[in-house]
């Protein structure tokens, strides 16, 4: 058995069974979802996500899972604030 001082740090140990990562081109790193960042954050997506998380929260509340419901309500609140910020800033020209 090795002493703690003789063990390699986890970061220095090779990963077993893993394929090495290949570097991605720069244009792919920024658009992992396939959409440019500005399009992913438009107001319609915020409204859609707000409604989606609100429905999920209500469904979880009906099943009695208060923790999951609160999680979804917090997600919905994030998108509600995002929509509010978009309205304050106004349309981009």
C-alpha atoms as a PDB file:
ATOM      1  CA  UNK A   1       0.000   0.000   0.000  1.00  0.00           C
ATOM      2  CA  UNK A   2       1.329   3.423  -0.920  1.00  0.00           C
ATOM      3  CA  UNK A   3       1.463   6.357   1.417  1.00  0.00           C
ATOM      4  CA  UNK A   4      -0.555   9.421   0.579  1.00  0.00           C
ATOM      5  CA  UNK A   5       2.639  11.263  -0.359  1.00  0.00           C
ATOM      6  CA  UNK A   6       3.423   8.592  -2.981  1.00  0.00           C
ATOM      7  CA  UNK A   7       0.051   8.747  -4.752  1.00  0.00           C
ATOM      8  CA  UNK A   8      -0.338  10.817  -7.890  1.00  0.00           C
ATOM      9  CA  UNK A   9      -2.869  13.642  -7.832  1.00  0.00           C
ATOM     10  CA  UNK A  10      -6.085  12.731  -9.643  1.00  0.00           C
ATOM     11  CA  UNK A  11      -5.435  15.314 -12.344  1.00  0.00           C
ATOM     12  CA  UNK A  12      -2.082  13.718 -13.204  1.00  0.00           C
ATOM     13  CA  UNK A  13      -3.509  10.214 -13.570  1.00  0.00           C
ATOM     14  CA  UNK A  14      -4.575   9.183 -17.067  1.00  0.00           C
ATOM     15  CA  UNK A  15      -8.277   8.573 -17.575  1.00  0.00           C
ATOM     16  CA  UNK A  16      -9.014   4.955 -18.346  1.00  0.00           C
ATOM     17  CA  UNK A  17     -11.356   4.054 -21.178  1.00  0.00           C
ATOM     18  CA  UNK A  18     -11.723   7.640 -22.312  1.00  0.00           C
ATOM     19  CA  UNK A  19     -10.991   8.884 -25.780  1.00  0.00           C
ATOM     20  CA  UNK A  20      -8.819  11.982 -25.981  1.00  0.00           C
ATOM     21  CA  UNK A  21     -10.663  15.223 -26.609  1.00  0.00           C
ATOM     22  CA  UNK A  22     -10.154  16.880 -29.934  1.00  0.00           C
ATOM     23  CA  UNK A  23      -9.990  20.675 -30.015  1.00  0.00           C
ATOM     24  CA  UNK A  24     -13.001  22.246 -31.702  1.00  0.00           C
ATOM     25  CA  UNK A  25     -12.768  25.095 -34.175  1.00  0.00           C
ATOM     26  CA  UNK A  26     -13.405  28.522 -32.627  1.00  0.00           C
ATOM     27  CA  UNK A  27     -16.712  29.021 -34.448  1.00  0.00           C
ATOM     28  CA  UNK A  28     -18.099  25.815 -32.906  1.00  0.00           C
ATOM     29  CA  UNK A  29     -17.080  26.660 -29.353  1.00  0.00           C
ATOM     30  CA  UNK A  30     -19.252  29.764 -29.255  1.00  0.00           C
ATOM     31  CA  UNK A  31     -22.283  28.123 -30.811  1.00  0.00           C
ATOM     32  CA  UNK A  32     -22.637  24.813 -29.025  1.00  0.00           C
ATOM     33  CA  UNK A  33     -26.423  24.776 -29.459  1.00  0.00           C
ATOM     34  CA  UNK A  34     -26.231  25.607 -33.154  1.00  0.00           C
ATOM     35  CA  UNK A  35     -27.520  29.144 -32.633  1.00  0.00           C
ATOM     36  CA  UNK A  36     -25.512  32.330 -32.287  1.00  0.00           C
ATOM     37  CA  UNK A  37     -25.568  33.663 -28.731  1.00  0.00           C
ATOM     38  CA  UNK A  38     -27.726  36.686 -29.570  1.00  0.00           C
ATOM     39  CA  UNK A  39     -30.429  34.523 -31.117  1.00  0.00           C
ATOM     40  CA  UNK A  40     -30.467  32.172 -28.141  1.00  0.00           C
ATOM     41  CA  UNK A  41     -31.341  35.049 -25.803  1.00  0.00           C
ATOM     42  CA  UNK A  42     -34.147  36.751 -27.672  1.00  0.00           C
ATOM     43  CA  UNK A  43     -37.327  37.794 -25.904  1.00  0.00           C
ATOM     44  CA  UNK A  44     -39.526  35.099 -27.444  1.00  0.00           C
ATOM     45  CA  UNK A  45     -37.302  32.372 -26.031  1.00  0.00           C
ATOM     46  CA  UNK A  46     -37.503  33.985 -22.591  1.00  0.00           C
ATOM     47  CA  UNK A  47     -41.302  34.033 -22.756  1.00  0.00           C
ATOM     48  CA  UNK A  48     -41.437  30.441 -23.957  1.00  0.00           C
ATOM     49  CA  UNK A  49     -39.073  29.265 -21.222  1.00  0.00           C
ATOM     50  CA  UNK A  50     -40.987  31.227 -18.569  1.00  0.00           C
ATOM     51  CA  UNK A  51     -44.237  29.522 -19.543  1.00  0.00           C
ATOM     52  CA  UNK A  52     -42.520  26.138 -19.761  1.00  0.00           C
ATOM     53  CA  UNK A  53     -41.004  26.310 -16.277  1.00  0.00           C
ATOM     54  CA  UNK A  54     -44.203  27.703 -14.803  1.00  0.00           C
ATOM     55  CA  UNK A  55     -46.148  24.712 -16.163  1.00  0.00           C
ATOM     56  CA  UNK A  56     -43.505  22.310 -14.871  1.00  0.00           C
ATOM     57  CA  UNK A  57     -43.623  23.955 -11.438  1.00  0.00           C
ATOM     58  CA  UNK A  58     -47.406  23.696 -11.255  1.00  0.00           C
ATOM     59  CA  UNK A  59     -47.305  20.049 -12.314  1.00  0.00           C
ATOM     60  CA  UNK A  60     -44.739  19.231  -9.628  1.00  0.00           C
ATOM     61  CA  UNK A  61     -46.782  21.126  -7.036  1.00  0.00           C
ATOM     62  CA  UNK A  62     -49.825  19.018  -7.938  1.00  0.00           C
ATOM     63  CA  UNK A  63     -47.846  15.807  -7.476  1.00  0.00           C
ATOM     64  CA  UNK A  64     -46.702  17.022  -4.062  1.00  0.00           C
ATOM     65  CA  UNK A  65     -43.001  17.470  -4.812  1.00  0.00           C
ATOM     66  CA  UNK A  66     -42.450  20.876  -3.235  1.00  0.00           C
ATOM     67  CA  UNK A  67     -38.676  20.864  -3.775  1.00  0.00           C
ATOM     68  CA  UNK A  68     -38.908  20.264  -7.526  1.00  0.00           C
ATOM     69  CA  UNK A  69     -41.760  22.771  -7.777  1.00  0.00           C
ATOM     70  CA  UNK A  70     -39.682  25.453  -6.049  1.00  0.00           C
ATOM     71  CA  UNK A  71     -36.771  24.717  -8.370  1.00  0.00           C
ATOM     72  CA  UNK A  72     -38.979  25.207 -11.431  1.00  0.00           C
ATOM     73  CA  UNK A  73     -40.550  28.352  -9.930  1.00  0.00           C
ATOM     74  CA  UNK A  74     -37.050  29.790  -9.491  1.00  0.00           C
ATOM     75  CA  UNK A  75     -36.229  29.016 -13.116  1.00  0.00           C
ATOM     76  CA  UNK A  76     -39.479  30.694 -14.194  1.00  0.00           C
ATOM     77  CA  UNK A  77     -38.625  33.738 -12.083  1.00  0.00           C
ATOM     78  CA  UNK A  78     -35.245  33.999 -13.818  1.00  0.00           C
ATOM     79  CA  UNK A  79     -36.938  34.204 -17.211  1.00  0.00           C
ATOM     80  CA  UNK A  80     -39.540  36.648 -15.867  1.00  0.00           C
ATOM     81  CA  UNK A  81     -36.698  38.953 -14.800  1.00  0.00           C
ATOM     82  CA  UNK A  82     -35.032  38.461 -18.167  1.00  0.00           C
ATOM     83  CA  UNK A  83     -38.227  39.520 -19.958  1.00  0.00           C
ATOM     84  CA  UNK A  84     -38.494  42.533 -17.667  1.00  0.00           C
ATOM     85  CA  UNK A  85     -34.916  43.573 -18.482  1.00  0.00           C
ATOM     86  CA  UNK A  86     -35.605  43.171 -22.201  1.00  0.00           C
ATOM     87  CA  UNK A  87     -38.633  45.453 -21.962  1.00  0.00           C
ATOM     88  CA  UNK A  88     -36.687  48.111 -20.039  1.00  0.00           C
ATOM     89  CA  UNK A  89     -33.852  48.128 -22.572  1.00  0.00           C
ATOM     90  CA  UNK A  90     -36.266  48.273 -25.500  1.00  0.00           C
ATOM     91  CA  UNK A  91     -35.754  46.901 -28.991  1.00  0.00           C
ATOM     92  CA  UNK A  92     -32.254  46.956 -30.431  1.00  0.00           C
ATOM     93  CA  UNK A  93     -31.732  49.029 -33.528  1.00  0.00           C
END
